[in-house]
Structure formats: C-alpha cells, structure tokens
C-alpha cells in the first residue's frame, strides 16, 4: 500500500464535518463543468497518446496537490495518502465493461505506457476484479455524450470514499476544444472549495501543453 498517515481526529479541523457527513446514507456530492482541453488534446494527438489516459494523468497530477483529494476513509477513520493512483471502467469488445488499475507516474508517457497495458489486459479478460485499495480516483469516460449531469452506481454499505471523475465528449467551440467533466467526492473529506482548487489545477495542467 502507498505511504499514508492516520489523521488525528483530536486536532483535525474537519473532524466535526467528517462525523456529520460520514453518517449520511449518501455522503457524496458532485458537480459537472465544462473545461478547455485544447492544448492537452493537441499534444496527445501529436504524440500518439491515448486521449483518455492523458486526461486521467492531468487529473491525477492536479489531485496530488490537493490534500483533500488524497484523503480516504479506511475502517471508518480518515487517512492521508502521499500519492494516489488510477482505477477506471473500461469498455470491452463484447459490449460489457471491466476495471483497470494502474499506478501514477510523474512522467506522462510512462503513465500512458503502463496504463495502456493495464487497460488492454482488462479488455481481454472476463472478470470484474476490483482491488479494494482506496488510494485511487475512479475514472470513467463517456466520449459519446456531451453530458450536463451524471450519477453513479454505488454500494451504500461499502466504506468507499474514492472520488469519481468522468470525462465526456470533446466538442469544438470555435477554435477551442472543450469537454464536460463530472467530479463526485465524499463531503466528509472534500468541500466545494477543494473541488474548485482541484479544477483550477486541472485547467492549468490542460493548458500547460501549449508550452510543450
């Protein structure tokens, strides 16, 4: 398991919020926003990289810098991870889906290489193996839909606090490319201000490829 530390509830500023929202039958809240991915899309195309994995890497890179996006609930208590990885739903040739899991790498090209192997392995498999690790973000992609809202299937009996991020259809808006991004997080760990911080960092990461 990735390095992590148990959060001290006697000194943590979020302790009251954590207990309040952790008791909810649905503690997740979410937003759906439109983001500009022009530079990241162009870079991925030029370098023959997976568009989806490039998006995932951008999101994970941003999340590493937001403490609340690295905090998870384990056995009913909050823990902060040093690094989080990726889990994603993958479409299979037979029309079903599977799940792929792969580690975060600072280098985009290495991340895409490892992620592509994990995705291909999931596509040719028939199982629904889903490791119980919480030090990840659960990603999915709906490249056919320019959605304006989204909901997720969840097991309310499971102590699952991993954020869910979904990317939608990339569309042209004059000379720019945009896509809808859905972000769902556990309110005991993440407030709207933290989502806003994450979105700002994600947009900066999308834009950073203009100088690459």
N, C-alpha and C. Protein backbone atom coordinates (compact mmCIF):
# COMPACT_ATOMS: atom_id res chain seq x y z
N UNK A 1 0.84 -1.19 0.00
CA UNK A 1 0.00 0.00 0.00
C UNK A 1 0.88 1.24 0.00
N UNK A 2 0.42 2.30 -0.68
CA UNK A 2 1.14 3.56 -0.72
C UNK A 2 1.33 4.10 0.70
N UNK A 3 2.41 4.89 0.88
CA UNK A 3 2.65 5.50 2.18
C UNK A 3 1.48 6.39 2.56
N UNK A 4 1.08 6.32 3.83
CA UNK A 4 -0.05 7.12 4.30
C UNK A 4 0.10 7.36 5.79
N UNK A 5 -0.66 8.32 6.28
CA UNK A 5 -0.66 8.61 7.72
C UNK A 5 -2.09 8.72 8.21
N UNK A 6 -2.31 8.22 9.41
CA UNK A 6 -3.62 8.33 10.03
C UNK A 6 -3.83 9.75 10.54
N UNK A 7 -4.95 10.33 10.24
CA UNK A 7 -5.24 11.70 10.65
C UNK A 7 -5.72 11.71 12.10
N UNK A 8 -5.17 12.63 12.87
CA UNK A 8 -5.52 12.75 14.29
C UNK A 8 -6.83 13.53 14.41
N UNK A 9 -7.88 12.84 14.80
CA UNK A 9 -9.19 13.46 14.88
C UNK A 9 -9.29 14.49 16.01
N UNK A 10 -8.35 14.47 16.94
CA UNK A 10 -8.39 15.45 18.04
C UNK A 10 -7.88 16.81 17.61
N UNK A 11 -7.15 16.86 16.50
CA UNK A 11 -6.60 18.14 16.03
C UNK A 11 -7.05 18.51 14.62
N UNK A 12 -7.67 17.59 13.91
CA UNK A 12 -8.07 17.81 12.51
C UNK A 12 -9.20 18.82 12.44
N UNK A 13 -9.07 19.89 11.68
CA UNK A 13 -10.14 20.89 11.58
C UNK A 13 -11.45 20.34 11.03
N UNK A 14 -11.39 19.22 10.29
CA UNK A 14 -12.59 18.67 9.65
C UNK A 14 -13.29 17.61 10.50
N UNK A 15 -12.88 17.39 11.71
CA UNK A 15 -13.43 16.29 12.50
C UNK A 15 -14.96 16.35 12.61
N UNK A 16 -15.50 17.51 12.93
CA UNK A 16 -16.96 17.62 13.08
C UNK A 16 -17.65 17.38 11.75
N UNK A 17 -17.11 17.94 10.66
CA UNK A 17 -17.69 17.71 9.33
C UNK A 17 -17.58 16.25 8.93
N UNK A 18 -16.45 15.64 9.25
CA UNK A 18 -16.24 14.23 8.93
C UNK A 18 -17.31 13.36 9.58
N UNK A 19 -17.52 13.54 10.87
CA UNK A 19 -18.53 12.74 11.57
C UNK A 19 -19.94 13.04 11.06
N UNK A 20 -20.19 14.30 10.76
CA UNK A 20 -21.53 14.69 10.29
C UNK A 20 -21.86 14.01 8.97
N UNK A 21 -21.00 14.15 7.96
CA UNK A 21 -21.29 13.60 6.64
C UNK A 21 -21.06 12.10 6.55
N UNK A 22 -20.19 11.56 7.39
CA UNK A 22 -19.92 10.12 7.34
C UNK A 22 -21.15 9.31 7.74
N UNK A 23 -22.06 9.95 8.46
CA UNK A 23 -23.27 9.25 8.89
C UNK A 23 -24.37 9.28 7.82
N UNK A 24 -24.15 10.02 6.73
CA UNK A 24 -25.16 10.13 5.68
C UNK A 24 -25.25 8.84 4.88
N UNK A 25 -26.46 8.51 4.42
CA UNK A 25 -26.60 7.35 3.53
C UNK A 25 -26.01 7.66 2.15
N UNK A 26 -25.96 8.94 1.76
CA UNK A 26 -25.31 9.36 0.53
C UNK A 26 -24.43 10.57 0.85
N UNK A 27 -23.16 10.31 1.20
CA UNK A 27 -22.27 11.41 1.60
C UNK A 27 -21.57 12.09 0.42
N UNK A 28 -21.80 11.59 -0.80
CA UNK A 28 -21.12 12.17 -1.96
C UNK A 28 -21.88 13.38 -2.50
N UNK A 29 -21.13 14.38 -2.95
CA UNK A 29 -21.71 15.50 -3.69
C UNK A 29 -20.89 15.68 -4.95
N UNK A 30 -21.48 16.33 -5.95
CA UNK A 30 -20.76 16.41 -7.22
C UNK A 30 -21.13 17.62 -8.04
N UNK A 31 -20.28 17.90 -9.00
CA UNK A 31 -20.50 18.99 -9.95
C UNK A 31 -20.18 18.48 -11.36
N UNK A 32 -20.73 19.16 -12.34
CA UNK A 32 -20.40 18.88 -13.74
C UNK A 32 -20.07 20.21 -14.39
N UNK A 33 -18.87 20.32 -14.94
CA UNK A 33 -18.41 21.58 -15.51
C UNK A 33 -17.85 21.34 -16.90
N UNK A 34 -17.72 22.41 -17.66
CA UNK A 34 -17.10 22.33 -18.99
C UNK A 34 -15.70 22.91 -18.89
N UNK A 35 -14.72 22.16 -19.45
CA UNK A 35 -13.33 22.59 -19.37
C UNK A 35 -12.69 22.63 -20.75
N UNK A 36 -11.71 23.49 -20.89
CA UNK A 36 -10.98 23.65 -22.14
C UNK A 36 -9.80 22.68 -22.15
N UNK A 37 -9.78 21.78 -23.13
CA UNK A 37 -8.72 20.77 -23.21
C UNK A 37 -7.91 20.90 -24.50
N UNK A 38 -7.92 22.07 -25.12
CA UNK A 38 -7.34 22.26 -26.45
C UNK A 38 -5.88 21.82 -26.52
N UNK A 39 -5.06 22.35 -25.62
CA UNK A 39 -3.62 22.06 -25.68
C UNK A 39 -3.31 20.61 -25.34
N UNK A 40 -4.00 20.07 -24.34
CA UNK A 40 -3.76 18.68 -23.97
C UNK A 40 -4.18 17.74 -25.10
N UNK A 41 -5.31 18.03 -25.74
CA UNK A 41 -5.79 17.21 -26.85
C UNK A 41 -4.78 17.25 -28.01
N UNK A 42 -4.31 18.44 -28.36
CA UNK A 42 -3.36 18.58 -29.47
C UNK A 42 -2.05 17.84 -29.18
N UNK A 43 -1.59 17.92 -27.94
CA UNK A 43 -0.34 17.24 -27.57
C UNK A 43 -0.51 15.72 -27.68
N UNK A 44 -1.60 15.21 -27.13
CA UNK A 44 -1.84 13.76 -27.18
C UNK A 44 -1.92 13.28 -28.62
N UNK A 45 -2.59 14.02 -29.46
CA UNK A 45 -2.70 13.65 -30.87
C UNK A 45 -1.34 13.66 -31.54
N UNK A 46 -0.55 14.70 -31.29
CA UNK A 46 0.76 14.83 -31.93
C UNK A 46 1.72 13.73 -31.49
N UNK A 47 1.59 13.31 -30.24
CA UNK A 47 2.49 12.29 -29.68
C UNK A 47 1.90 10.88 -29.75
N UNK A 48 0.73 10.74 -30.35
CA UNK A 48 0.06 9.45 -30.49
C UNK A 48 -0.20 8.81 -29.12
N UNK A 49 -0.68 9.62 -28.19
CA UNK A 49 -1.01 9.15 -26.85
C UNK A 49 -2.52 9.00 -26.71
N UNK A 50 -2.94 8.12 -25.83
CA UNK A 50 -4.36 7.97 -25.52
C UNK A 50 -4.91 9.29 -24.99
N UNK A 51 -6.00 9.77 -25.60
CA UNK A 51 -6.63 10.99 -25.12
C UNK A 51 -7.14 10.78 -23.70
N UNK A 52 -7.80 9.65 -23.47
CA UNK A 52 -8.35 9.37 -22.15
C UNK A 52 -7.26 9.32 -21.09
N UNK A 53 -6.18 8.59 -21.35
CA UNK A 53 -5.12 8.48 -20.35
C UNK A 53 -4.40 9.80 -20.14
N UNK A 54 -4.34 10.62 -21.16
CA UNK A 54 -3.77 11.96 -20.99
C UNK A 54 -4.65 12.78 -20.06
N UNK A 55 -5.97 12.68 -20.22
CA UNK A 55 -6.91 13.36 -19.32
C UNK A 55 -6.76 12.85 -17.90
N UNK A 56 -6.67 11.52 -17.76
CA UNK A 56 -6.53 10.92 -16.43
C UNK A 56 -5.24 11.41 -15.76
N UNK A 57 -4.15 11.44 -16.52
CA UNK A 57 -2.89 11.89 -15.95
C UNK A 57 -2.97 13.34 -15.49
N UNK A 58 -3.63 14.18 -16.29
CA UNK A 58 -3.79 15.58 -15.90
C UNK A 58 -4.56 15.68 -14.59
N UNK A 59 -5.63 14.90 -14.46
CA UNK A 59 -6.44 14.94 -13.25
C UNK A 59 -5.68 14.40 -12.04
N UNK A 60 -4.95 13.32 -12.22
CA UNK A 60 -4.17 12.77 -11.11
C UNK A 60 -3.06 13.72 -10.69
N UNK A 61 -2.43 14.36 -11.66
CA UNK A 61 -1.36 15.32 -11.33
C UNK A 61 -1.93 16.46 -10.49
N UNK A 62 -3.10 16.95 -10.88
CA UNK A 62 -3.74 18.01 -10.09
C UNK A 62 -4.10 17.51 -8.70
N UNK A 63 -4.65 16.31 -8.63
CA UNK A 63 -5.12 15.77 -7.34
C UNK A 63 -3.99 15.56 -6.35
N UNK A 64 -2.78 15.25 -6.84
CA UNK A 64 -1.66 15.05 -5.92
C UNK A 64 -1.39 16.30 -5.10
N UNK A 65 -1.81 17.47 -5.60
CA UNK A 65 -1.51 18.74 -4.95
C UNK A 65 -2.66 19.26 -4.10
N UNK A 66 -3.74 18.49 -3.99
CA UNK A 66 -4.88 18.90 -3.15
C UNK A 66 -5.02 17.85 -2.05
N UNK A 67 -4.65 18.21 -0.84
CA UNK A 67 -4.63 17.25 0.26
C UNK A 67 -5.94 16.51 0.41
N UNK A 68 -7.06 17.22 0.29
CA UNK A 68 -8.36 16.58 0.49
C UNK A 68 -8.65 15.52 -0.55
N UNK A 69 -8.07 15.64 -1.74
CA UNK A 69 -8.25 14.63 -2.77
C UNK A 69 -7.36 13.41 -2.53
N UNK A 70 -6.45 13.51 -1.57
CA UNK A 70 -5.59 12.37 -1.21
C UNK A 70 -6.02 11.74 0.11
N UNK A 71 -7.12 12.19 0.66
CA UNK A 71 -7.60 11.67 1.94
C UNK A 71 -8.70 10.64 1.69
N UNK A 72 -8.63 9.53 2.41
CA UNK A 72 -9.59 8.45 2.25
C UNK A 72 -10.05 7.94 3.62
N UNK A 73 -11.14 7.21 3.62
CA UNK A 73 -11.66 6.62 4.85
C UNK A 73 -11.34 5.14 4.85
N UNK A 74 -10.61 4.69 5.84
CA UNK A 74 -10.24 3.29 6.00
C UNK A 74 -10.72 2.81 7.36
N UNK A 75 -11.56 1.78 7.36
CA UNK A 75 -12.11 1.25 8.60
C UNK A 75 -12.74 2.36 9.44
N UNK A 76 -13.43 3.25 8.78
CA UNK A 76 -14.17 4.29 9.49
C UNK A 76 -13.38 5.50 9.92
N UNK A 77 -12.07 5.54 9.59
CA UNK A 77 -11.24 6.65 10.03
C UNK A 77 -10.50 7.27 8.84
N UNK A 78 -10.22 8.57 8.90
CA UNK A 78 -9.57 9.24 7.78
C UNK A 78 -8.05 9.04 7.75
N UNK A 79 -7.54 8.80 6.55
CA UNK A 79 -6.10 8.64 6.33
C UNK A 79 -5.70 9.50 5.15
N UNK A 80 -4.50 10.06 5.22
CA UNK A 80 -3.98 10.85 4.11
C UNK A 80 -2.87 10.07 3.40
N UNK A 81 -3.02 9.88 2.10
CA UNK A 81 -2.02 9.18 1.30
C UNK A 81 -1.03 10.17 0.68
N UNK A 82 0.20 9.72 0.52
CA UNK A 82 1.20 10.56 -0.14
C UNK A 82 0.93 10.65 -1.64
N UNK A 83 0.40 9.57 -2.19
CA UNK A 83 0.17 9.53 -3.64
C UNK A 83 -1.06 8.68 -3.92
N UNK A 84 -1.79 9.07 -4.94
CA UNK A 84 -2.97 8.29 -5.34
C UNK A 84 -2.80 7.83 -6.78
N UNK A 85 -3.48 6.76 -7.10
CA UNK A 85 -3.34 6.11 -8.40
C UNK A 85 -4.66 6.15 -9.17
N UNK A 86 -4.73 5.36 -10.23
CA UNK A 86 -5.90 5.40 -11.11
C UNK A 86 -6.62 4.06 -11.14
N UNK A 87 -7.94 4.14 -11.14
CA UNK A 87 -8.80 2.99 -11.43
C UNK A 87 -9.81 3.48 -12.44
N UNK A 88 -10.16 2.66 -13.40
CA UNK A 88 -11.12 3.15 -14.40
C UNK A 88 -11.97 2.02 -14.97
N UNK A 89 -13.14 2.42 -15.39
CA UNK A 89 -14.04 1.50 -16.08
C UNK A 89 -13.63 1.44 -17.55
N UNK A 90 -13.57 0.21 -18.10
CA UNK A 90 -13.08 0.00 -19.46
C UNK A 90 -14.12 -0.75 -20.29
N UNK A 91 -14.42 -0.24 -21.46
CA UNK A 91 -15.33 -0.93 -22.36
C UNK A 91 -14.67 -2.13 -23.00
N UNK A 92 -15.43 -3.23 -23.12
CA UNK A 92 -14.90 -4.44 -23.73
C UNK A 92 -15.56 -4.71 -25.07
N UNK A 93 -14.89 -5.47 -25.94
CA UNK A 93 -15.43 -5.72 -27.28
C UNK A 93 -16.81 -6.36 -27.28
N UNK A 94 -17.16 -7.09 -26.20
CA UNK A 94 -18.46 -7.77 -26.17
C UNK A 94 -19.58 -6.87 -25.64
N UNK A 95 -19.28 -5.59 -25.44
CA UNK A 95 -20.29 -4.64 -25.00
C UNK A 95 -20.41 -4.48 -23.50
N UNK A 96 -19.63 -5.23 -22.72
CA UNK A 96 -19.65 -5.08 -21.27
C UNK A 96 -18.50 -4.16 -20.85
N UNK A 97 -18.33 -4.00 -19.54
CA UNK A 97 -17.21 -3.22 -19.03
C UNK A 97 -16.41 -4.03 -18.03
N UNK A 98 -15.17 -3.63 -17.84
CA UNK A 98 -14.31 -4.20 -16.82
C UNK A 98 -13.63 -3.06 -16.09
N UNK A 99 -12.69 -3.40 -15.21
CA UNK A 99 -12.00 -2.38 -14.43
C UNK A 99 -10.49 -2.56 -14.56
N UNK A 100 -9.81 -1.45 -14.76
CA UNK A 100 -8.35 -1.46 -14.85
C UNK A 100 -7.78 -0.59 -13.74
N UNK A 101 -6.63 -1.00 -13.21
CA UNK A 101 -5.96 -0.24 -12.16
C UNK A 101 -4.49 -0.12 -12.51
N UNK A 102 -3.93 1.06 -12.33
CA UNK A 102 -2.53 1.28 -12.67
C UNK A 102 -1.99 2.44 -11.86
N UNK A 103 -0.68 2.44 -11.59
CA UNK A 103 -0.09 3.46 -10.71
C UNK A 103 0.13 4.79 -11.41
N UNK A 104 0.20 5.83 -10.59
CA UNK A 104 0.52 7.16 -11.10
C UNK A 104 2.03 7.26 -11.33
N UNK A 105 2.40 7.88 -12.44
CA UNK A 105 3.80 8.23 -12.72
C UNK A 105 3.85 9.71 -13.04
N UNK A 106 4.88 10.39 -12.56
CA UNK A 106 5.02 11.81 -12.88
C UNK A 106 5.13 12.03 -14.38
N UNK A 107 5.83 11.12 -15.05
CA UNK A 107 6.03 11.25 -16.49
C UNK A 107 4.80 10.77 -17.24
N UNK A 108 4.23 11.64 -18.07
CA UNK A 108 3.01 11.30 -18.80
C UNK A 108 3.21 10.09 -19.70
N UNK A 109 4.30 10.03 -20.42
CA UNK A 109 4.50 8.96 -21.39
C UNK A 109 4.62 7.60 -20.69
N UNK A 110 5.30 7.56 -19.55
CA UNK A 110 5.40 6.31 -18.81
C UNK A 110 4.04 5.92 -18.24
N UNK A 111 3.30 6.90 -17.76
CA UNK A 111 1.96 6.63 -17.24
C UNK A 111 1.07 6.04 -18.32
N UNK A 112 1.10 6.61 -19.51
CA UNK A 112 0.27 6.11 -20.61
C UNK A 112 0.70 4.71 -21.01
N UNK A 113 2.01 4.46 -21.03
CA UNK A 113 2.50 3.13 -21.40
C UNK A 113 1.97 2.07 -20.42
N UNK A 114 2.13 2.33 -19.13
CA UNK A 114 1.69 1.36 -18.12
C UNK A 114 0.16 1.25 -18.11
N UNK A 115 -0.51 2.39 -18.21
CA UNK A 115 -1.96 2.38 -18.20
C UNK A 115 -2.54 1.66 -19.40
N UNK A 116 -1.92 1.82 -20.56
CA UNK A 116 -2.40 1.14 -21.78
C UNK A 116 -2.32 -0.37 -21.64
N UNK A 117 -1.25 -0.85 -21.02
CA UNK A 117 -1.11 -2.29 -20.80
C UNK A 117 -2.19 -2.81 -19.86
N UNK A 118 -2.46 -2.06 -18.80
CA UNK A 118 -3.50 -2.47 -17.84
C UNK A 118 -4.88 -2.47 -18.48
N UNK A 119 -5.14 -1.47 -19.31
CA UNK A 119 -6.43 -1.39 -19.99
C UNK A 119 -6.60 -2.53 -20.97
N UNK A 120 -5.57 -2.83 -21.72
CA UNK A 120 -5.66 -3.92 -22.69
C UNK A 120 -5.88 -5.26 -21.99
N UNK A 121 -5.22 -5.46 -20.85
CA UNK A 121 -5.40 -6.68 -20.09
C UNK A 121 -6.84 -6.80 -19.60
N UNK A 122 -7.42 -5.69 -19.18
CA UNK A 122 -8.81 -5.71 -18.72
C UNK A 122 -9.76 -6.00 -19.87
N UNK A 123 -9.46 -5.49 -21.04
CA UNK A 123 -10.34 -5.68 -22.20
C UNK A 123 -10.42 -7.13 -22.64
N UNK A 124 -9.33 -7.87 -22.47
CA UNK A 124 -9.33 -9.26 -22.93
C UNK A 124 -9.73 -10.22 -21.81
N UNK A 125 -10.00 -9.69 -20.63
CA UNK A 125 -10.40 -10.52 -19.50
C UNK A 125 -11.92 -10.55 -19.39
N UNK A 126 -12.44 -11.53 -18.66
CA UNK A 126 -13.88 -11.64 -18.46
C UNK A 126 -14.29 -11.40 -17.01
N UNK A 127 -13.30 -11.16 -16.14
CA UNK A 127 -13.66 -11.00 -14.73
C UNK A 127 -13.97 -9.54 -14.41
N UNK A 128 -14.42 -9.32 -13.18
CA UNK A 128 -14.71 -7.98 -12.69
C UNK A 128 -13.86 -7.68 -11.47
N UNK A 129 -12.61 -8.07 -11.53
CA UNK A 129 -11.70 -7.85 -10.41
C UNK A 129 -11.59 -6.36 -10.13
N UNK A 130 -11.82 -6.00 -8.89
CA UNK A 130 -11.75 -4.61 -8.47
C UNK A 130 -11.03 -4.55 -7.13
N UNK A 131 -9.71 -4.36 -7.14
CA UNK A 131 -8.95 -4.36 -5.89
C UNK A 131 -9.55 -3.39 -4.88
N UNK A 132 -9.49 -3.74 -3.60
CA UNK A 132 -10.15 -2.92 -2.56
C UNK A 132 -9.41 -1.64 -2.21
N UNK A 133 -8.25 -1.40 -2.80
CA UNK A 133 -7.47 -0.21 -2.45
C UNK A 133 -8.29 1.06 -2.60
N UNK A 134 -8.12 1.97 -1.66
CA UNK A 134 -8.83 3.25 -1.69
C UNK A 134 -7.94 4.39 -2.16
N UNK A 135 -6.64 4.17 -2.28
CA UNK A 135 -5.74 5.26 -2.67
C UNK A 135 -5.75 5.45 -4.18
N UNK A 136 -6.94 5.73 -4.70
CA UNK A 136 -7.10 5.96 -6.13
C UNK A 136 -8.27 6.89 -6.38
N UNK A 137 -8.37 7.32 -7.61
CA UNK A 137 -9.56 8.02 -8.11
C UNK A 137 -10.18 7.11 -9.15
N UNK A 138 -11.50 6.98 -9.11
CA UNK A 138 -12.21 6.12 -10.05
C UNK A 138 -12.63 6.95 -11.27
N UNK A 139 -12.01 6.65 -12.40
CA UNK A 139 -12.27 7.39 -13.63
C UNK A 139 -13.17 6.60 -14.57
N UNK A 140 -13.88 7.33 -15.40
CA UNK A 140 -14.64 6.73 -16.48
C UNK A 140 -14.75 7.75 -17.61
N UNK A 141 -15.13 7.27 -18.78
CA UNK A 141 -15.23 8.14 -19.95
C UNK A 141 -16.51 7.83 -20.70
N UNK A 142 -17.20 8.88 -21.09
CA UNK A 142 -18.39 8.77 -21.94
C UNK A 142 -18.15 9.63 -23.18
N UNK A 143 -17.25 9.19 -24.06
CA UNK A 143 -16.85 10.03 -25.19
C UNK A 143 -17.94 10.24 -26.23
N UNK A 144 -19.08 9.56 -26.06
CA UNK A 144 -20.20 9.72 -27.00
C UNK A 144 -21.16 10.81 -26.55
N UNK A 145 -21.04 11.27 -25.29
CA UNK A 145 -22.06 12.14 -24.71
C UNK A 145 -21.48 13.48 -24.24
N UNK A 146 -22.11 14.54 -24.69
CA UNK A 146 -21.79 15.88 -24.21
C UNK A 146 -22.72 16.16 -23.03
N UNK A 147 -22.51 15.44 -21.93
CA UNK A 147 -23.46 15.45 -20.83
C UNK A 147 -23.40 16.76 -20.03
N UNK A 148 -24.50 17.02 -19.33
CA UNK A 148 -24.57 18.17 -18.44
C UNK A 148 -24.77 17.75 -16.99
N UNK A 149 -25.00 16.48 -16.75
CA UNK A 149 -25.07 15.94 -15.39
C UNK A 149 -24.85 14.44 -15.48
N UNK A 150 -24.55 13.84 -14.33
CA UNK A 150 -24.30 12.40 -14.31
C UNK A 150 -24.47 11.89 -12.88
N UNK A 151 -24.85 10.63 -12.74
CA UNK A 151 -24.90 9.99 -11.43
C UNK A 151 -24.15 8.67 -11.54
N UNK A 152 -23.82 8.08 -10.38
CA UNK A 152 -23.03 6.86 -10.36
C UNK A 152 -23.71 5.78 -9.53
N UNK A 153 -23.54 4.54 -9.95
CA UNK A 153 -23.96 3.41 -9.13
C UNK A 153 -22.99 3.28 -7.96
N UNK A 154 -23.53 3.09 -6.76
CA UNK A 154 -22.69 2.96 -5.58
C UNK A 154 -23.26 1.94 -4.63
N UNK A 155 -22.36 1.25 -3.93
CA UNK A 155 -22.76 0.35 -2.86
C UNK A 155 -22.76 1.16 -1.56
N UNK A 156 -23.93 1.53 -1.10
CA UNK A 156 -24.02 2.40 0.07
C UNK A 156 -23.55 1.71 1.35
N UNK A 157 -23.44 0.40 1.32
CA UNK A 157 -22.97 -0.29 2.50
C UNK A 157 -21.46 -0.34 2.60
N UNK A 158 -20.77 0.02 1.51
CA UNK A 158 -19.31 -0.04 1.49
C UNK A 158 -18.72 1.29 1.94
N UNK A 159 -17.61 1.21 2.65
CA UNK A 159 -16.92 2.41 3.13
C UNK A 159 -16.00 2.91 2.02
N UNK A 160 -16.60 3.39 0.95
CA UNK A 160 -15.85 3.82 -0.23
C UNK A 160 -15.84 5.34 -0.29
N UNK A 161 -14.66 5.92 -0.24
CA UNK A 161 -14.56 7.38 -0.24
C UNK A 161 -13.75 7.91 -1.41
N UNK A 162 -13.40 7.05 -2.37
CA UNK A 162 -12.59 7.48 -3.51
C UNK A 162 -13.40 8.39 -4.43
N UNK A 163 -12.85 9.51 -4.86
CA UNK A 163 -13.55 10.38 -5.80
C UNK A 163 -13.83 9.68 -7.12
N UNK A 164 -14.86 10.16 -7.82
CA UNK A 164 -15.22 9.66 -9.15
C UNK A 164 -15.15 10.82 -10.12
N UNK A 165 -14.39 10.63 -11.19
CA UNK A 165 -14.26 11.67 -12.21
C UNK A 165 -14.59 11.05 -13.56
N UNK A 166 -15.49 11.70 -14.30
CA UNK A 166 -15.91 11.21 -15.61
C UNK A 166 -15.68 12.29 -16.65
N UNK A 167 -15.07 11.89 -17.77
CA UNK A 167 -14.85 12.79 -18.90
C UNK A 167 -15.87 12.48 -19.99
N UNK A 168 -16.39 13.53 -20.62
CA UNK A 168 -17.38 13.34 -21.67
C UNK A 168 -16.84 13.61 -23.06
N UNK A 169 -17.74 13.88 -23.98
CA UNK A 169 -17.41 14.08 -25.39
C UNK A 169 -16.68 15.40 -25.61
N UNK A 170 -15.58 15.34 -26.34
CA UNK A 170 -14.84 16.54 -26.71
C UNK A 170 -15.52 17.19 -27.91
N UNK A 171 -15.82 18.47 -27.79
CA UNK A 171 -16.51 19.18 -28.87
C UNK A 171 -15.73 20.43 -29.25
N UNK A 172 -15.96 20.90 -30.48
CA UNK A 172 -15.31 22.11 -30.97
C UNK A 172 -16.14 23.33 -30.63
N UNK A 173 -15.48 24.34 -30.12
CA UNK A 173 -16.13 25.60 -29.79
C UNK A 173 -15.27 26.70 -30.40
N UNK A 174 -15.62 27.09 -31.63
CA UNK A 174 -14.80 27.98 -32.45
C UNK A 174 -13.44 27.31 -32.64
N UNK A 175 -12.35 27.93 -32.17
CA UNK A 175 -11.03 27.32 -32.37
C UNK A 175 -10.53 26.58 -31.14
N UNK A 176 -11.43 26.29 -30.18
CA UNK A 176 -11.06 25.60 -28.95
C UNK A 176 -11.78 24.27 -28.85
N UNK A 177 -11.24 23.37 -28.03
CA UNK A 177 -11.89 22.09 -27.75
C UNK A 177 -12.24 22.04 -26.27
N UNK A 178 -13.48 21.65 -26.00
CA UNK A 178 -13.93 21.58 -24.62
C UNK A 178 -14.57 20.22 -24.35
N UNK A 179 -14.70 19.88 -23.09
CA UNK A 179 -15.36 18.64 -22.71
C UNK A 179 -16.01 18.80 -21.35
N UNK A 180 -17.10 18.06 -21.10
CA UNK A 180 -17.69 18.07 -19.76
C UNK A 180 -16.88 17.17 -18.83
N UNK A 181 -16.74 17.61 -17.60
CA UNK A 181 -16.03 16.84 -16.58
C UNK A 181 -16.92 16.76 -15.35
N UNK A 182 -17.22 15.55 -14.92
CA UNK A 182 -18.02 15.33 -13.72
C UNK A 182 -17.10 14.92 -12.57
N UNK A 183 -17.30 15.53 -11.41
CA UNK A 183 -16.47 15.26 -10.23
C UNK A 183 -17.38 14.99 -9.04
N UNK A 184 -17.28 13.79 -8.46
CA UNK A 184 -18.05 13.43 -7.27
C UNK A 184 -17.07 13.08 -6.15
N UNK A 185 -17.32 13.64 -4.97
CA UNK A 185 -16.40 13.47 -3.84
C UNK A 185 -17.19 13.26 -2.55
N UNK A 186 -16.52 12.68 -1.56
CA UNK A 186 -17.13 12.44 -0.25
C UNK A 186 -17.08 13.74 0.55
N UNK A 187 -18.27 14.20 0.99
CA UNK A 187 -18.35 15.50 1.65
C UNK A 187 -17.69 15.51 3.03
N UNK A 188 -17.49 14.35 3.61
CA UNK A 188 -16.78 14.30 4.88
C UNK A 188 -15.31 14.63 4.73
N UNK A 189 -14.81 14.55 3.50
CA UNK A 189 -13.40 14.79 3.22
C UNK A 189 -13.16 16.02 2.35
N UNK A 190 -14.11 16.32 1.47
CA UNK A 190 -13.90 17.34 0.45
C UNK A 190 -15.09 18.28 0.37
N UNK A 191 -14.81 19.59 0.45
CA UNK A 191 -15.84 20.60 0.29
C UNK A 191 -15.78 21.21 -1.11
N UNK A 192 -16.74 22.10 -1.41
CA UNK A 192 -16.76 22.74 -2.71
C UNK A 192 -15.51 23.55 -3.00
N UNK A 193 -14.93 24.18 -1.99
CA UNK A 193 -13.72 24.97 -2.20
C UNK A 193 -12.55 24.09 -2.65
N UNK A 194 -12.49 22.86 -2.14
CA UNK A 194 -11.41 21.95 -2.54
C UNK A 194 -11.62 21.47 -3.97
N UNK A 195 -12.89 21.27 -4.35
CA UNK A 195 -13.18 20.92 -5.74
C UNK A 195 -12.76 22.06 -6.65
N UNK A 196 -13.04 23.29 -6.23
CA UNK A 196 -12.63 24.44 -7.02
C UNK A 196 -11.13 24.53 -7.16
N UNK A 197 -10.40 24.25 -6.09
CA UNK A 197 -8.93 24.24 -6.15
C UNK A 197 -8.44 23.18 -7.13
N UNK A 198 -9.05 22.01 -7.05
CA UNK A 198 -8.67 20.92 -7.97
C UNK A 198 -8.95 21.31 -9.42
N UNK A 199 -10.12 21.90 -9.69
CA UNK A 199 -10.46 22.28 -11.06
C UNK A 199 -9.49 23.31 -11.60
N UNK A 200 -9.11 24.28 -10.79
CA UNK A 200 -8.13 25.28 -11.23
C UNK A 200 -6.81 24.63 -11.62
N UNK A 201 -6.36 23.67 -10.80
CA UNK A 201 -5.10 22.98 -11.09
C UNK A 201 -5.23 22.09 -12.33
N UNK A 202 -6.39 21.46 -12.50
CA UNK A 202 -6.61 20.63 -13.68
C UNK A 202 -6.59 21.49 -14.95
N UNK A 203 -7.22 22.66 -14.90
CA UNK A 203 -7.20 23.53 -16.07
C UNK A 203 -5.79 24.01 -16.39
N UNK A 204 -5.01 24.32 -15.37
CA UNK A 204 -3.62 24.71 -15.59
C UNK A 204 -2.84 23.58 -16.25
N UNK A 205 -3.12 22.35 -15.83
CA UNK A 205 -2.43 21.20 -16.41
C UNK A 205 -2.85 20.99 -17.87
N UNK A 206 -4.14 21.11 -18.15
CA UNK A 206 -4.61 21.04 -19.53
C UNK A 206 -3.91 22.09 -20.41
N UNK A 207 -3.77 23.30 -19.85
CA UNK A 207 -3.18 24.40 -20.61
C UNK A 207 -1.67 24.27 -20.77
N UNK A 208 -1.02 23.54 -19.87
CA UNK A 208 0.45 23.51 -19.83
C UNK A 208 1.07 22.92 -21.09
N UNK A 209 0.31 22.14 -21.85
CA UNK A 209 0.87 21.51 -23.03
C UNK A 209 1.10 22.51 -24.15
N UNK A 210 0.57 23.71 -24.01
CA UNK A 210 0.81 24.72 -25.02
C UNK A 210 2.26 25.13 -25.11
N UNK A 211 3.00 24.90 -24.00
CA UNK A 211 4.43 25.24 -23.98
C UNK A 211 5.31 24.02 -24.18
N UNK A 212 4.67 22.85 -24.43
CA UNK A 212 5.44 21.59 -24.56
C UNK A 212 6.05 21.49 -25.96
